[in-house]
Amino acid sequence: MLSGLSGLYKHTEDFGLIEAAQNLIDSVVASPLVPTDSGVLVESCDPSRTCDQDQWMFKGVFFEHLGYFLADIAALEGLEVSSRRDLLEKYRGFIAANAHAVWDVARGEDGKVGNWWAGPGGGEIERQVSVETHGSGVAAVCCVVRLNRLLESLEQANSTGRKEGCAD
């Protein structure tokens, strides 16, 4: 939905589509899917280790398309650079919290990424590990890297007074 809404915006220039995408992201961040103060996305089945492949992939798909959406936001020529930067900054804490949880909590000593990003760290629990859990973890880490690169590009554009979009 996220990348679809920003892609549709490119053709219609209806800013309501960008607002709808933000409402979707805000709803996820405020939902029971983010049950802790840490801001980490959790599937209800994560703690019990009863998730299936669809649930393992959900977080990855969400962060992958959140990254695409943010790249589209960064390139919106109809908005001032400072407004684009503010929109990206709005989600920085959430994205960073999840990427750090993948790296610091969900990644085992063997480097394998498990499903429960908000669980206890280290080898305290047995995590579900699969290609889908790895892919989801990679998507979250790539999303924070992408966001940081986009923000750097917008800062450079802002410091030179340019209004054009930035390349990812």
Protein backbone atom coordinates (compact mmCIF):
# COMPACT_ATOMS: atom_id res chain seq x y z
CA MET A 1 0.00 0.00 0.00
CA LEU A 2 2.69 2.50 0.98
CA SER A 3 4.71 2.43 -2.20
CA GLY A 4 1.49 2.17 -4.21
CA LEU A 5 0.10 5.34 -2.65
CA SER A 6 3.26 7.33 -3.27
CA GLY A 7 3.50 5.92 -6.79
CA LEU A 8 -0.08 6.94 -7.51
CA TYR A 9 0.70 10.40 -6.13
CA LYS A 10 3.36 10.80 -8.84
CA HIS A 11 0.64 10.49 -11.47
CA THR A 12 -2.17 12.41 -9.78
CA GLU A 13 -0.37 14.92 -7.53
CA ASP A 14 -3.18 14.34 -5.02
CA PHE A 15 -1.47 15.00 -1.69
CA GLY A 16 -4.30 13.14 0.02
CA LEU A 17 -2.57 9.94 -1.11
CA ILE A 18 0.58 10.90 0.82
CA GLU A 19 -1.57 11.76 3.83
CA ALA A 20 -3.33 8.38 3.55
CA ALA A 21 0.05 6.62 3.55
CA GLN A 22 1.14 8.59 6.62
CA ASN A 23 -2.12 7.65 8.35
CA LEU A 24 -1.40 4.00 7.57
CA ILE A 25 2.13 4.21 9.00
CA ASP A 26 0.89 6.14 12.04
CA SER A 27 -1.79 3.49 12.60
CA VAL A 28 0.80 0.71 12.57
CA VAL A 29 3.11 2.58 14.95
CA ALA A 30 0.20 3.29 17.36
CA SER A 31 -1.27 -0.22 17.09
CA PRO A 32 -0.89 -3.30 19.27
CA LEU A 33 1.74 -4.39 16.70
CA VAL A 34 4.09 -1.99 18.49
CA PRO A 35 3.26 -2.93 22.08
CA THR A 36 6.31 -1.63 23.87
CA ASP A 37 7.90 1.70 24.57
CA SER A 38 10.85 0.51 22.50
CA GLY A 39 8.85 1.08 19.30
CA VAL A 40 9.64 -2.38 17.92
CA LEU A 41 7.15 -4.09 15.61
CA VAL A 42 5.91 -7.42 17.01
CA GLU A 43 3.64 -10.10 15.65
CA SER A 44 1.29 -11.52 18.29
CA CYS A 45 2.77 -14.95 17.61
CA ASP A 46 6.40 -13.86 18.11
CA PRO A 47 6.68 -14.56 21.86
CA SER A 48 5.04 -18.00 21.57
CA ARG A 49 7.09 -18.87 18.48
CA THR A 50 3.96 -19.95 16.60
CA CYS A 51 4.29 -17.64 13.58
CA ASP A 52 4.00 -18.96 10.06
CA GLN A 53 5.84 -17.84 6.92
CA ASP A 54 3.33 -15.06 6.18
CA GLN A 55 3.82 -13.58 9.64
CA TRP A 56 7.61 -13.91 9.35
CA MET A 57 7.49 -11.93 6.11
CA PHE A 58 5.07 -9.20 7.23
CA LYS A 59 7.65 -7.04 9.00
CA GLY A 60 10.04 -7.27 6.06
CA VAL A 61 7.41 -6.37 3.48
CA PHE A 62 6.30 -3.46 5.64
CA PHE A 63 9.83 -2.06 6.02
CA GLU A 64 10.71 -2.62 2.38
CA HIS A 65 7.71 -0.64 1.18
CA LEU A 66 8.17 1.96 3.91
CA GLY A 67 11.64 2.52 2.43
CA TYR A 68 10.19 2.91 -1.07
CA PHE A 69 7.59 5.36 0.26
CA LEU A 70 10.25 7.45 2.01
CA ALA A 71 12.37 7.54 -1.14
CA ASP A 72 9.35 8.82 -3.06
CA ILE A 73 8.73 11.45 -0.35
CA ALA A 74 12.35 12.61 -0.57
CA ALA A 75 11.94 13.13 -4.30
CA LEU A 76 8.67 15.12 -4.17
CA GLU A 77 9.53 18.25 -6.08
CA GLY A 78 6.28 19.94 -5.09
CA LEU A 79 7.42 20.19 -1.47
CA GLU A 80 10.17 22.29 0.03
CA VAL A 81 13.24 20.34 1.07
CA SER A 82 12.60 21.13 4.74
CA SER A 83 9.06 19.69 4.50
CA ARG A 84 10.36 16.50 2.88
CA ARG A 85 13.02 16.19 5.56
CA ASP A 86 10.40 16.65 8.30
CA LEU A 87 8.26 13.88 6.80
CA LEU A 88 11.23 11.51 6.77
CA GLU A 89 12.33 12.50 10.28
CA LYS A 90 8.85 11.69 11.57
CA TYR A 91 9.57 7.96 11.19
CA ARG A 92 13.30 7.92 11.93
CA GLY A 93 12.97 6.79 15.56
CA PHE A 94 10.60 3.96 14.71
CA ILE A 95 12.72 2.70 11.83
CA ALA A 96 15.97 2.98 13.80
CA ALA A 97 14.47 1.18 16.81
CA ASN A 98 13.48 -1.76 14.62
CA ALA A 99 16.79 -1.94 12.77
CA HIS A 100 18.69 -1.85 16.06
CA ALA A 101 16.40 -4.54 17.50
CA VAL A 102 17.14 -6.76 14.50
CA TRP A 103 20.87 -6.27 14.91
CA ASP A 104 21.12 -6.27 18.70
CA VAL A 105 18.28 -8.57 19.79
CA ALA A 106 17.01 -10.80 16.99
CA ARG A 107 20.42 -11.67 15.58
CA GLY A 108 21.93 -14.64 17.36
CA GLU A 109 25.60 -15.29 18.02
CA ASP A 110 25.61 -17.37 14.84
CA GLY A 111 24.41 -14.34 12.84
CA LYS A 112 20.99 -15.85 12.16
CA VAL A 113 18.08 -13.42 12.45
CA GLY A 114 15.04 -14.69 14.26
CA ASN A 115 11.43 -13.62 14.21
CA TRP A 116 11.07 -11.88 17.60
CA TRP A 117 12.86 -8.56 17.36
CA ALA A 118 11.61 -7.32 20.74
CA GLY A 119 12.36 -10.52 22.63
CA PRO A 120 15.11 -11.08 25.14
CA GLY A 121 18.56 -10.76 23.61
CA GLY A 122 21.21 -13.35 23.12
CA GLY A 123 20.50 -17.04 23.46
CA GLU A 124 17.84 -16.64 26.15
CA ILE A 125 15.07 -17.95 23.91
CA GLU A 126 14.78 -20.21 20.91
CA ARG A 127 13.72 -18.07 17.97
CA GLN A 128 12.07 -19.14 14.79
CA VAL A 129 14.68 -18.70 12.06
CA SER A 130 14.06 -18.97 8.34
CA VAL A 131 14.83 -17.27 5.06
CA GLU A 132 11.74 -15.13 5.71
CA THR A 133 12.95 -13.98 9.14
CA HIS A 134 16.34 -13.13 7.64
CA GLY A 135 14.70 -11.23 4.79
CA SER A 136 12.54 -9.26 7.20
CA GLY A 137 15.56 -8.34 9.28
CA VAL A 138 17.52 -7.28 6.22
CA ALA A 139 14.57 -5.14 5.06
CA ALA A 140 14.49 -3.27 8.39
CA VAL A 141 18.25 -2.66 8.36
CA CYS A 142 18.14 -1.56 4.70
CA CYS A 143 15.25 0.78 5.51
CA VAL A 144 17.27 2.66 8.14
CA VAL A 145 20.28 2.84 5.83
CA ARG A 146 18.08 4.17 3.02
CA LEU A 147 16.45 6.70 5.35
CA ASN A 148 19.81 7.99 6.54
CA ARG A 149 21.06 8.35 2.95
CA LEU A 150 17.89 10.19 1.96
CA LEU A 151 18.19 12.56 4.90
CA GLU A 152 21.84 13.24 4.06
CA SER A 153 20.87 14.05 0.47
CA LEU A 154 18.10 16.37 1.62
CA GLU A 155 20.48 18.12 4.01
CA GLN A 156 22.90 18.70 1.14
CA ALA A 157 20.09 20.01 -1.05
CA ASN A 158 18.87 22.26 1.77
CA SER A 159 22.32 23.67 2.44
CA THR A 160 22.75 24.57 -1.22
CA GLY A 161 19.21 25.97 -1.49
CA ARG A 162 18.12 23.49 -4.16
CA LYS A 163 14.54 22.30 -4.44
CA GLU A 164 15.03 19.23 -6.59
CA GLY A 165 14.53 15.70 -5.38
CA CYS A 166 17.30 13.43 -4.28
CA ALA A 167 18.44 10.19 -5.81
CA ASP A 168 18.53 7.06 -3.73
